[in-house]
PDB file of N, CA and C in Angstrom:
ATOM      1  N   MET A   1      -4.768  -0.828  -4.106  1.00  0.00           N
ATOM      2  CA  MET A   1      -5.341  -1.969  -4.815  1.00  0.00           C
ATOM      3  C   MET A   1      -5.785  -1.645  -6.509  1.00  0.00           C
ATOM      4  N   GLU A   2      -5.626  -3.049  -6.806  1.00  0.00           N
ATOM      5  CA  GLU A   2      -6.018  -2.006  -8.437  1.00  0.00           C
ATOM      6  C   GLU A   2      -7.842  -3.423  -8.803  1.00  0.00           C
ATOM      7  N   TYR A   3      -7.427  -2.740  -9.501  1.00  0.00           N
ATOM      8  CA  TYR A   3      -9.402  -2.330  -9.716  1.00  0.00           C
ATOM      9  C   TYR A   3      -9.828  -3.621  -9.659  1.00  0.00           C
ATOM     10  N   ALA A   4     -10.280  -4.262  -9.243  1.00  0.00           N
ATOM     11  CA  ALA A   4     -11.186  -6.195  -9.918  1.00  0.00           C
ATOM     12  C   ALA A   4     -12.305  -5.879 -10.909  1.00  0.00           C
ATOM     13  N   ASP A   5     -11.353  -6.242 -12.737  1.00  0.00           N
ATOM     14  CA  ASP A   5     -12.153  -6.828 -13.609  1.00  0.00           C
ATOM     15  C   ASP A   5     -12.999  -7.199 -13.730  1.00  0.00           C
ATOM     16  N   GLY A   6     -12.914  -8.286 -12.524  1.00  0.00           N
ATOM     17  CA  GLY A   6     -13.775  -9.779 -12.324  1.00  0.00           C
ATOM     18  C   GLY A   6     -15.124  -9.396 -11.681  1.00  0.00           C
ATOM     19  N   GLY A   7     -15.482  -8.671 -10.734  1.00  0.00           N
ATOM     20  CA  GLY A   7     -15.822  -8.209  -9.708  1.00  0.00           C
ATOM     21  C   GLY A   7     -15.277  -9.175  -8.251  1.00  0.00           C
ATOM     22  N   ASP A   8     -17.545  -9.570  -8.219  1.00  0.00           N
ATOM     23  CA  ASP A   8     -16.774  -9.891  -6.495  1.00  0.00           C
ATOM     24  C   ASP A   8     -16.658 -11.534  -6.738  1.00  0.00           C
ATOM     25  N   LEU A   9     -16.179 -12.067  -5.892  1.00  0.00           N
ATOM     26  CA  LEU A   9     -16.786 -13.968  -6.371  1.00  0.00           C
ATOM     27  C   LEU A   9     -18.163 -14.822  -6.695  1.00  0.00           C
ATOM     28  N   ARG A  10     -19.061 -14.111  -5.724  1.00  0.00           N
ATOM     29  CA  ARG A  10     -20.003 -13.939  -6.037  1.00  0.00           C
ATOM     30  C   ARG A  10     -20.630 -13.812  -7.707  1.00  0.00           C
ATOM     31  N   GLU A  11     -20.725 -12.655  -8.216  1.00  0.00           N
ATOM     32  CA  GLU A  11     -20.668 -11.856  -9.101  1.00  0.00           C
ATOM     33  C   GLU A  11     -20.033 -12.688 -10.340  1.00  0.00           C
ATOM     34  N   TYR A  12     -18.718 -13.177 -10.048  1.00  0.00           N
ATOM     35  CA  TYR A  12     -17.546 -14.348 -11.186  1.00  0.00           C
ATOM     36  C   TYR A  12     -18.502 -15.262 -11.603  1.00  0.00           C
ATOM     37  N   LEU A  13     -18.498 -16.350  -9.927  1.00  0.00           N
ATOM     38  CA  LEU A  13     -19.123 -17.680 -10.374  1.00  0.00           C
ATOM     39  C   LEU A  13     -20.351 -17.327 -11.165  1.00  0.00           C
ATOM     40  N   ALA A  14     -21.552 -16.303 -11.261  1.00  0.00           N
ATOM     41  CA  ALA A  14     -22.663 -16.159 -11.133  1.00  0.00           C
ATOM     42  C   ALA A  14     -23.006 -16.282 -12.961  1.00  0.00           C
ATOM     43  N   ASN A  15     -21.872 -15.484 -13.462  1.00  0.00           N
ATOM     44  CA  ASN A  15     -21.530 -15.364 -15.041  1.00  0.00           C
ATOM     45  C   ASN A  15     -20.965 -16.602 -15.559  1.00  0.00           C
ATOM     46  N   SER A  16     -19.639 -17.223 -15.041  1.00  0.00           N
ATOM     47  CA  SER A  16     -18.662 -18.419 -15.871  1.00  0.00           C
ATOM     48  C   SER A  16     -18.993 -18.853 -14.773  1.00  0.00           C
ATOM     49  N   PHE A  17     -19.824 -19.503 -14.124  1.00  0.00           N
ATOM     50  CA  PHE A  17     -19.509 -21.034 -13.878  1.00  0.00           C
ATOM     51  C   PHE A  17     -19.289 -22.641 -14.438  1.00  0.00           C
ATOM     52  N   LYS A  18     -19.939 -21.818 -15.422  1.00  0.00           N
ATOM     53  CA  LYS A  18     -20.648 -23.124 -16.656  1.00  0.00           C
ATOM     54  C   LYS A  18     -18.966 -23.138 -17.918  1.00  0.00           C
ATOM     55  N   SER A  19     -18.937 -22.046 -17.194  1.00  0.00           N
ATOM     56  CA  SER A  19     -17.761 -21.702 -18.135  1.00  0.00           C
ATOM     57  C   SER A  19     -15.979 -22.383 -17.996  1.00  0.00           C
ATOM     58  N   LEU A  20     -16.385 -22.685 -16.806  1.00  0.00           N
ATOM     59  CA  LEU A  20     -14.964 -22.452 -16.471  1.00  0.00           C
ATOM     60  C   LEU A  20     -14.871 -23.829 -16.213  1.00  0.00           C
ATOM     61  N   ASP A  21     -12.974 -24.215 -16.441  1.00  0.00           N
ATOM     62  CA  ASP A  21     -12.965 -25.606 -16.519  1.00  0.00           C
ATOM     63  C   ASP A  21     -12.517 -26.328 -14.532  1.00  0.00           C
ATOM     64  N   TRP A  22     -12.795 -27.429 -14.908  1.00  0.00           N
ATOM     65  CA  TRP A  22     -12.465 -27.820 -13.253  1.00  0.00           C
ATOM     66  C   TRP A  22     -10.505 -27.149 -12.696  1.00  0.00           C
ATOM     67  N   ASN A  23     -10.207 -27.069 -13.466  1.00  0.00           N
ATOM     68  CA  ASN A  23      -8.560 -26.934 -13.207  1.00  0.00           C
ATOM     69  C   ASN A  23      -8.843 -25.669 -12.532  1.00  0.00           C
ATOM     70  N   LYS A  24      -9.594 -24.018 -13.218  1.00  0.00           N
ATOM     71  CA  LYS A  24      -9.996 -23.806 -12.437  1.00  0.00           C
ATOM     72  C   LYS A  24     -11.045 -22.869 -11.110  1.00  0.00           C
ATOM     73  N   LYS A  25     -11.572 -23.829 -11.468  1.00  0.00           N
ATOM     74  CA  LYS A  25     -12.731 -23.578 -10.224  1.00  0.00           C
ATOM     75  C   LYS A  25     -11.643 -24.398  -9.238  1.00  0.00           C
ATOM     76  N   TYR A  26     -10.869 -25.695  -9.398  1.00  0.00           N
ATOM     77  CA  TYR A  26      -9.696 -25.654  -7.995  1.00  0.00           C
ATOM     78  C   TYR A  26      -9.594 -25.012  -8.340  1.00  0.00           C
ATOM     79  N   GLN A  27      -8.092 -23.889  -8.949  1.00  0.00           N
ATOM     80  CA  GLN A  27      -7.495 -22.807  -8.892  1.00  0.00           C
ATOM     81  C   GLN A  27      -8.416 -21.520  -7.851  1.00  0.00           C
ATOM     82  N   LEU A  28      -8.999 -21.069  -7.781  1.00  0.00           N
ATOM     83  CA  LEU A  28     -10.365 -20.112  -7.062  1.00  0.00           C
ATOM     84  C   LEU A  28     -10.183 -20.971  -5.626  1.00  0.00           C
ATOM     85  N   ALA A  29     -10.722 -21.953  -5.487  1.00  0.00           N
ATOM     86  CA  ALA A  29     -11.004 -22.588  -4.594  1.00  0.00           C
ATOM     87  C   ALA A  29      -9.586 -22.376  -3.403  1.00  0.00           C
ATOM     88  N   PHE A  30      -8.278 -22.855  -4.447  1.00  0.00           N
ATOM     89  CA  PHE A  30      -7.149 -22.798  -3.580  1.00  0.00           C
ATOM     90  C   PHE A  30      -6.583 -21.781  -3.342  1.00  0.00           C
ATOM     91  N   ASP A  31      -6.677 -20.499  -4.095  1.00  0.00           N
ATOM     92  CA  ASP A  31      -6.586 -19.046  -4.147  1.00  0.00           C
ATOM     93  C   ASP A  31      -6.745 -18.798  -3.252  1.00  0.00           C
ATOM     94  N   ILE A  32      -8.653 -19.026  -3.047  1.00  0.00           N
ATOM     95  CA  ILE A  32      -8.477 -18.297  -0.765  1.00  0.00           C
ATOM     96  C   ILE A  32      -8.159 -19.001  -0.104  1.00  0.00           C
ATOM     97  N   THR A  33      -8.496 -20.452   0.182  1.00  0.00           N
ATOM     98  CA  THR A  33      -7.947 -21.267   0.843  1.00  0.00           C
ATOM     99  C   THR A  33      -6.526 -20.603   1.065  1.00  0.00           C
ATOM    100  N   ASN A  34      -5.522 -20.072   1.183  1.00  0.00           N
ATOM    101  CA  ASN A  34      -4.479 -19.858   0.874  1.00  0.00           C
ATOM    102  C   ASN A  34      -4.113 -18.953   1.185  1.00  0.00           C
ATOM    103  N   GLY A  35      -5.280 -17.132   0.916  1.00  0.00           N
ATOM    104  CA  GLY A  35      -5.377 -16.194   1.169  1.00  0.00           C
ATOM    105  C   GLY A  35      -6.277 -16.677   2.298  1.00  0.00           C
ATOM    106  N   VAL A  36      -7.212 -16.919   2.518  1.00  0.00           N
ATOM    107  CA  VAL A  36      -7.869 -16.946   4.191  1.00  0.00           C
ATOM    108  C   VAL A  36      -5.771 -17.630   5.003  1.00  0.00           C
ATOM    109  N   HIS A  37      -5.217 -18.454   4.626  1.00  0.00           N
ATOM    110  CA  HIS A  37      -3.826 -18.663   5.225  1.00  0.00           C
ATOM    111  C   HIS A  37      -3.380 -18.078   6.289  1.00  0.00           C
ATOM    112  N   TYR A  38      -3.003 -17.256   4.903  1.00  0.00           N
ATOM    113  CA  TYR A  38      -2.450 -16.061   5.280  1.00  0.00           C
ATOM    114  C   TYR A  38      -2.606 -15.609   6.053  1.00  0.00           C
ATOM    115  N   LEU A  39      -3.476 -14.748   6.116  1.00  0.00           N
ATOM    116  CA  LEU A  39      -4.112 -13.988   7.102  1.00  0.00           C
ATOM    117  C   LEU A  39      -4.013 -14.574   8.908  1.00  0.00           C
ATOM    118  N   HIS A  40      -4.478 -16.330   8.606  1.00  0.00           N
ATOM    119  CA  HIS A  40      -4.519 -17.002   9.983  1.00  0.00           C
ATOM    120  C   HIS A  40      -3.297 -16.408  10.875  1.00  0.00           C
ATOM    121  N   LYS A  41      -2.013 -16.795   9.687  1.00  0.00           N
ATOM    122  CA  LYS A  41      -0.703 -16.979  10.294  1.00  0.00           C
ATOM    123  C   LYS A  41       0.004 -15.566  10.407  1.00  0.00           C
ATOM    124  N   GLY A  42      -0.835 -14.659  10.382  1.00  0.00           N
ATOM    125  CA  GLY A  42      -0.660 -13.580  10.391  1.00  0.00           C
ATOM    126  C   GLY A  42      -2.077 -12.923  11.883  1.00  0.00           C
ATOM    127  N   ASN A  43      -2.414 -13.968  12.760  1.00  0.00           N
ATOM    128  CA  ASN A  43      -3.193 -13.891  13.618  1.00  0.00           C
ATOM    129  C   ASN A  43      -4.614 -13.440  13.868  1.00  0.00           C
ATOM    130  N   ILE A  44      -4.745 -13.145  12.207  1.00  0.00           N
ATOM    131  CA  ILE A  44      -5.686 -12.225  11.703  1.00  0.00           C
ATOM    132  C   ILE A  44      -7.828 -13.789  11.420  1.00  0.00           C
ATOM    133  N   ILE A  45      -7.463 -13.397  11.857  1.00  0.00           N
ATOM    134  CA  ILE A  45      -9.484 -14.327  11.520  1.00  0.00           C
ATOM    135  C   ILE A  45     -10.203 -13.286  10.740  1.00  0.00           C
ATOM    136  N   HIS A  46     -10.777 -13.946   9.421  1.00  0.00           N
ATOM    137  CA  HIS A  46     -11.930 -13.588   8.752  1.00  0.00           C
ATOM    138  C   HIS A  46     -13.162 -13.820   9.207  1.00  0.00           C
ATOM    139  N   ARG A  47     -14.007 -13.947   9.632  1.00  0.00           N
ATOM    140  CA  ARG A  47     -15.331 -13.894  10.260  1.00  0.00           C
ATOM    141  C   ARG A  47     -15.941 -13.958   8.836  1.00  0.00           C
ATOM    142  N   ASP A  48     -16.046 -13.459   8.556  1.00  0.00           N
ATOM    143  CA  ASP A  48     -17.516 -13.633   7.487  1.00  0.00           C
ATOM    144  C   ASP A  48     -16.677 -14.485   6.153  1.00  0.00           C
ATOM    145  N   LEU A  49     -16.619 -15.501   6.125  1.00  0.00           N
ATOM    146  CA  LEU A  49     -16.747 -15.817   4.240  1.00  0.00           C
ATOM    147  C   LEU A  49     -17.924 -16.816   3.640  1.00  0.00           C
ATOM    148  N   VAL A  50     -17.757 -15.044   2.912  1.00  0.00           N
ATOM    149  CA  VAL A  50     -19.072 -14.945   1.813  1.00  0.00           C
ATOM    150  C   VAL A  50     -18.327 -14.245   0.832  1.00  0.00           C
ATOM    151  N   GLY A  51     -18.550 -14.569  -0.100  1.00  0.00           N
ATOM    152  CA  GLY A  51     -18.902 -14.307  -1.450  1.00  0.00           C
ATOM    153  C   GLY A  51     -17.883 -13.245  -2.029  1.00  0.00           C
ATOM    154  N   TYR A  52     -18.263 -11.849  -1.421  1.00  0.00           N
ATOM    155  CA  TYR A  52     -18.862 -10.866  -1.955  1.00  0.00           C
ATOM    156  C   TYR A  52     -17.718 -10.537  -0.886  1.00  0.00           C
ATOM    157  N   PHE A  53     -16.871 -10.419  -0.108  1.00  0.00           N
ATOM    158  CA  PHE A  53     -15.900 -10.473   0.554  1.00  0.00           C
ATOM    159  C   PHE A  53     -14.510 -10.703  -0.928  1.00  0.00           C
ATOM    160  N   TYR A  54     -14.515 -11.962  -1.510  1.00  0.00           N
ATOM    161  CA  TYR A  54     -13.673 -11.922  -2.630  1.00  0.00           C
ATOM    162  C   TYR A  54     -13.410 -11.581  -3.544  1.00  0.00           C
ATOM    163  N   LEU A  55     -12.116 -10.689  -4.098  1.00  0.00           N
ATOM    164  CA  LEU A  55     -12.913  -9.874  -5.749  1.00  0.00           C
ATOM    165  C   LEU A  55     -11.746 -10.916  -6.613  1.00  0.00           C
ATOM    166  N   ILE A  56     -12.395 -11.124  -7.462  1.00  0.00           N
ATOM    167  CA  ILE A  56     -11.144 -11.522  -8.910  1.00  0.00           C
ATOM    168  C   ILE A  56     -11.056  -9.949  -9.476  1.00  0.00           C
ATOM    169  N   SER A  57      -9.402 -10.523  -9.613  1.00  0.00           N
ATOM    170  CA  SER A  57      -8.391  -8.953 -10.568  1.00  0.00           C
ATOM    171  C   SER A  57      -7.694 -10.637 -12.142  1.00  0.00           C
ATOM    172  N   TYR A  58      -7.758 -10.070 -13.103  1.00  0.00           N
ATOM    173  CA  TYR A  58      -7.219 -10.683 -13.743  1.00  0.00           C
ATOM    174  C   TYR A  58      -7.024 -12.334 -13.381  1.00  0.00           C
ATOM    175  N   GLN A  59      -7.938 -13.461 -13.142  1.00  0.00           N
ATOM    176  CA  GLN A  59      -7.946 -14.587 -12.890  1.00  0.00           C
ATOM    177  C   GLN A  59      -7.201 -14.162 -11.696  1.00  0.00           C
ATOM    178  N   LEU A  60      -6.860 -13.886 -10.696  1.00  0.00           N
ATOM    179  CA  LEU A  60      -6.789 -13.997  -9.154  1.00  0.00           C
ATOM    180  C   LEU A  60      -7.182 -13.235  -7.843  1.00  0.00           C
ATOM    181  N   VAL A  61      -7.349 -13.952  -6.859  1.00  0.00           N
ATOM    182  CA  VAL A  61      -8.110 -13.785  -5.548  1.00  0.00           C
ATOM    183  C   VAL A  61      -7.662 -12.798  -5.238  1.00  0.00           C
ATOM    184  N   TYR A  62      -8.213 -12.037  -4.656  1.00  0.00           N
ATOM    185  CA  TYR A  62      -7.939 -10.776  -3.303  1.00  0.00           C
ATOM    186  C   TYR A  62      -8.697 -11.302  -1.819  1.00  0.00           C
ATOM    187  N   VAL A  63      -8.822 -11.274  -0.684  1.00  0.00           N
ATOM    188  CA  VAL A  63      -9.648 -11.709  -0.416  1.00  0.00           C
ATOM    189  C   VAL A  63      -9.375 -10.021   1.053  1.00  0.00           C
ATOM    190  N   ILE A  64     -10.656  -9.108   0.475  1.00  0.00           N
ATOM    191  CA  ILE A  64     -11.236  -8.693   1.472  1.00  0.00           C
ATOM    192  C   ILE A  64     -12.478  -7.875   2.393  1.00  0.00           C
ATOM    193  N   GLN A  65     -12.384  -6.578   3.489  1.00  0.00           N
ATOM    194  CA  GLN A  65     -13.116  -7.003   4.602  1.00  0.00           C
ATOM    195  C   GLN A  65     -12.974  -5.343   5.072  1.00  0.00           C
TER     196      GLN A  65
END
């Protein structure tokens, strides 16, 4: 996995929330939803949906645990 230059989701939103437009906020939510859906399709349940399990890298979201 590449270096997550944006940190985790909590850190990223704490530092950037006010500067993000609503399209970018929507895109983050959409990316997270797609990641969790992908896991569910593989019969993987992601139990703890908290901000530090999502890494931001080059404006992409990675689900980790």
